[in-house]
Protein backbone atom coordinates (compact mmCIF):
# COMPACT_ATOMS: atom_id res chain seq x y z
CA UNK A 1 2.87 -54.03 51.09
CA UNK A 2 1.08 -52.64 53.66
CA UNK A 3 1.52 -49.39 52.04
CA UNK A 4 0.05 -50.83 48.62
CA UNK A 5 -2.94 -51.95 50.62
CA UNK A 6 -3.51 -48.54 52.39
CA UNK A 7 -2.84 -46.94 49.18
CA UNK A 8 -5.22 -49.28 47.75
CA UNK A 9 -7.64 -48.23 50.41
CA UNK A 10 -7.21 -44.80 49.96
CA UNK A 11 -7.88 -45.16 46.21
CA UNK A 12 -10.99 -47.34 47.08
CA UNK A 13 -12.30 -44.44 49.32
CA UNK A 14 -11.61 -41.98 46.73
CA UNK A 15 -13.66 -43.32 44.05
CA UNK A 16 -16.89 -42.03 45.21
CA UNK A 17 -15.28 -38.61 45.64
CA UNK A 18 -13.95 -39.01 42.20
CA UNK A 19 -17.35 -39.80 40.90
CA UNK A 20 -18.72 -37.14 42.37
CA UNK A 21 -16.50 -34.69 41.03
CA UNK A 22 -16.99 -35.98 37.43
CA UNK A 23 -20.47 -35.73 37.89
CA UNK A 24 -20.19 -32.16 39.37
CA UNK A 25 -18.12 -31.24 36.29
CA UNK A 26 -20.92 -32.53 34.03
CA UNK A 27 -23.49 -31.09 35.91
CA UNK A 28 -21.52 -27.87 35.77
CA UNK A 29 -21.14 -28.35 31.97
CA UNK A 30 -24.76 -28.57 31.62
CA UNK A 31 -26.17 -26.38 33.95
CA UNK A 32 -23.77 -23.49 34.00
CA UNK A 33 -20.95 -23.55 31.04
CA UNK A 34 -23.30 -23.89 28.27
CA UNK A 35 -25.87 -21.55 29.16
CA UNK A 36 -23.55 -19.10 30.01
CA UNK A 37 -21.58 -19.57 26.82
CA UNK A 38 -24.93 -19.19 24.79
CA UNK A 39 -25.51 -16.01 26.77
CA UNK A 40 -22.07 -14.73 26.01
CA UNK A 41 -22.42 -15.38 22.48
CA UNK A 42 -25.59 -13.69 22.03
CA UNK A 43 -24.38 -10.97 23.99
CA UNK A 44 -21.57 -10.88 21.64
CA UNK A 45 -23.65 -11.19 18.54
CA UNK A 46 -25.96 -8.53 19.71
CA UNK A 47 -23.08 -5.97 20.52
CA UNK A 48 -21.43 -6.77 17.30
CA UNK A 49 -24.57 -6.69 15.18
CA UNK A 50 -25.45 -3.47 17.02
CA UNK A 51 -21.79 -1.94 15.98
CA UNK A 52 -22.32 -3.50 12.61
CA UNK A 53 -25.74 -1.42 12.42
CA UNK A 54 -24.52 1.42 13.69
CA UNK A 55 -21.57 1.47 10.85
CA UNK A 56 -24.00 0.70 8.32
CA UNK A 57 -26.31 3.68 9.62
CA UNK A 58 -23.49 6.01 9.70
CA UNK A 59 -22.26 4.90 6.04
CA UNK A 60 -26.02 5.48 5.02
CA UNK A 61 -25.64 8.82 6.61
CA UNK A 62 -22.59 9.66 5.12
CA UNK A 63 -23.90 8.70 1.45
CA UNK A 64 -26.98 10.60 2.11
CA UNK A 65 -25.07 13.77 3.22
CA UNK A 66 -22.72 13.31 0.07
CA UNK A 67 -25.70 13.02 -2.01
CA UNK A 68 -27.61 15.91 -0.41
CA UNK A 69 -24.25 18.40 -1.18
CA UNK A 70 -24.31 17.04 -4.43
CA UNK A 71 -27.78 18.29 -5.00
CA UNK A 72 -26.96 21.45 -3.21
CA UNK A 73 -23.82 22.10 -5.42
CA UNK A 74 -26.17 21.51 -8.52
CA UNK A 75 -29.08 24.08 -7.02
CA UNK A 76 -26.33 26.58 -6.28
CA UNK A 77 -25.08 26.32 -9.97
CA UNK A 78 -28.05 26.43 -11.44
CA UNK A 79 -29.24 29.39 -9.53
CA UNK A 80 -25.76 30.87 -10.46
CA UNK A 81 -26.52 30.29 -14.13
CA UNK A 82 -29.88 31.63 -13.85
CA UNK A 83 -28.66 34.75 -12.12
CA UNK A 84 -25.95 35.12 -14.65
CA UNK A 85 -28.48 34.84 -17.51
CA UNK A 86 -30.74 37.19 -15.94
CA UNK A 87 -27.75 39.47 -15.53
CA UNK A 88 -26.91 39.00 -19.34
CA UNK A 89 -30.49 39.96 -20.19
CA UNK A 90 -30.39 43.01 -18.20
CA UNK A 91 -27.19 43.98 -19.77
CA UNK A 92 -28.88 43.39 -23.20
CA UNK A 93 -31.94 45.37 -22.27
CA UNK A 94 -29.65 48.15 -20.84
CA UNK A 95 -27.69 48.22 -23.94
CA UNK A 96 -30.74 48.43 -26.15
CA UNK A 97 -32.01 51.42 -24.05
CA UNK A 98 -28.74 52.85 -24.29
CA UNK A 99 -28.66 52.70 -28.12
CA UNK A 100 -32.14 53.96 -28.81
CA UNK A 101 -31.33 56.97 -26.52
CA UNK A 102 -28.27 57.51 -28.30
CA UNK A 103 -30.33 57.07 -31.72
CA UNK A 104 -32.96 59.57 -30.27
CA UNK A 105 -30.47 62.12 -29.40
CA UNK A 106 -28.70 62.04 -32.55
CA UNK A 107 -32.10 62.41 -34.43
CA UNK A 108 -32.74 65.38 -32.34
CA UNK A 109 -29.08 66.81 -32.77
CA UNK A 110 -29.67 66.25 -36.90
CA UNK A 111 -33.10 67.79 -36.41
CA UNK A 112 -31.76 70.57 -34.44
CA UNK A 113 -29.21 71.28 -36.85
CA UNK A 114 -31.44 71.15 -39.80
CA UNK A 115 -33.57 73.65 -38.04
CA UNK A 116 -30.91 75.88 -37.23
CA UNK A 117 -29.43 75.55 -41.21
CA UNK A 118 -33.15 76.45 -42.30
CA UNK A 119 -33.16 79.44 -39.68
CA UNK A 120 -30.16 80.55 -40.54
CA UNK A 121 -30.72 80.44 -44.43
CA UNK A 122 -34.11 82.30 -43.90
CA UNK A 123 -32.38 84.78 -41.78
CA UNK A 124 -29.84 85.48 -44.56
CA UNK A 125 -32.68 85.76 -47.05
CA UNK A 126 -34.50 88.36 -44.71
CA UNK A 127 -31.12 90.26 -43.98
CA UNK A 128 -30.26 90.18 -47.49
CA UNK A 129 -33.71 91.93 -48.47
CA UNK A 130 -33.57 94.22 -45.43
CA UNK A 131 -30.17 94.92 -46.67
CA UNK A 132 -31.54 95.83 -50.17
CA UNK A 133 -34.43 97.88 -48.79
CA UNK A 134 -31.91 99.74 -46.29
CA UNK A 135 -29.37 100.51 -49.09
CA UNK A 136 -32.50 101.85 -51.44
CA UNK A 137 -33.57 103.99 -48.32
CA UNK A 138 -30.26 105.07 -47.63
CA UNK A 139 -29.69 106.23 -51.26
CA UNK A 140 -32.95 108.08 -51.31
CA UNK A 141 -31.92 109.67 -48.31
CA UNK A 142 -28.43 110.72 -48.94
CA UNK A 143 -28.83 111.24 -52.74
CA UNK A 144 -32.00 112.31 -53.99
CA UNK A 145 -30.89 110.63 -57.62
CA UNK A 146 -29.25 107.83 -55.95
CA UNK A 147 -32.71 105.88 -55.96
CA UNK A 148 -32.33 105.94 -60.11
CA UNK A 149 -28.80 104.28 -59.46
CA UNK A 150 -29.86 101.51 -57.22
CA UNK A 151 -32.66 100.65 -59.41
CA UNK A 152 -30.12 100.49 -62.56
CA UNK A 153 -27.71 98.31 -60.31
CA UNK A 154 -30.60 95.80 -59.85
């Protein structure tokens, strides 16, 4: 029984220590643990919030980049279409100028042919006229009576 009495004395002596320990745990909870938990939670929310903001900023930047790339692609295609249209217009103008030059050249050739034909016809007439005169002169020179023959042949 003496052990029980000693044990009861020890338990009774440890009650103030137990109360101090419980009080210390409660004070630790209010003074250290809760503020530390709030601080850690706030830090975590700020960190994750900042990471979410960074992700959303990256997504927005990628969307904006995609939009700019699309606008750039459209602008390039419009430039290429305008360039192609301009090249076709130049090609049409060049073809029209070539056709006009061909027409003018053909007209000059036709005009030249007509002039040559006219000149050659006139030259034939002159040669024929000169031939008759020369024939008459030759006949007069060679045959004194030949002049009468050539007049009779006419």
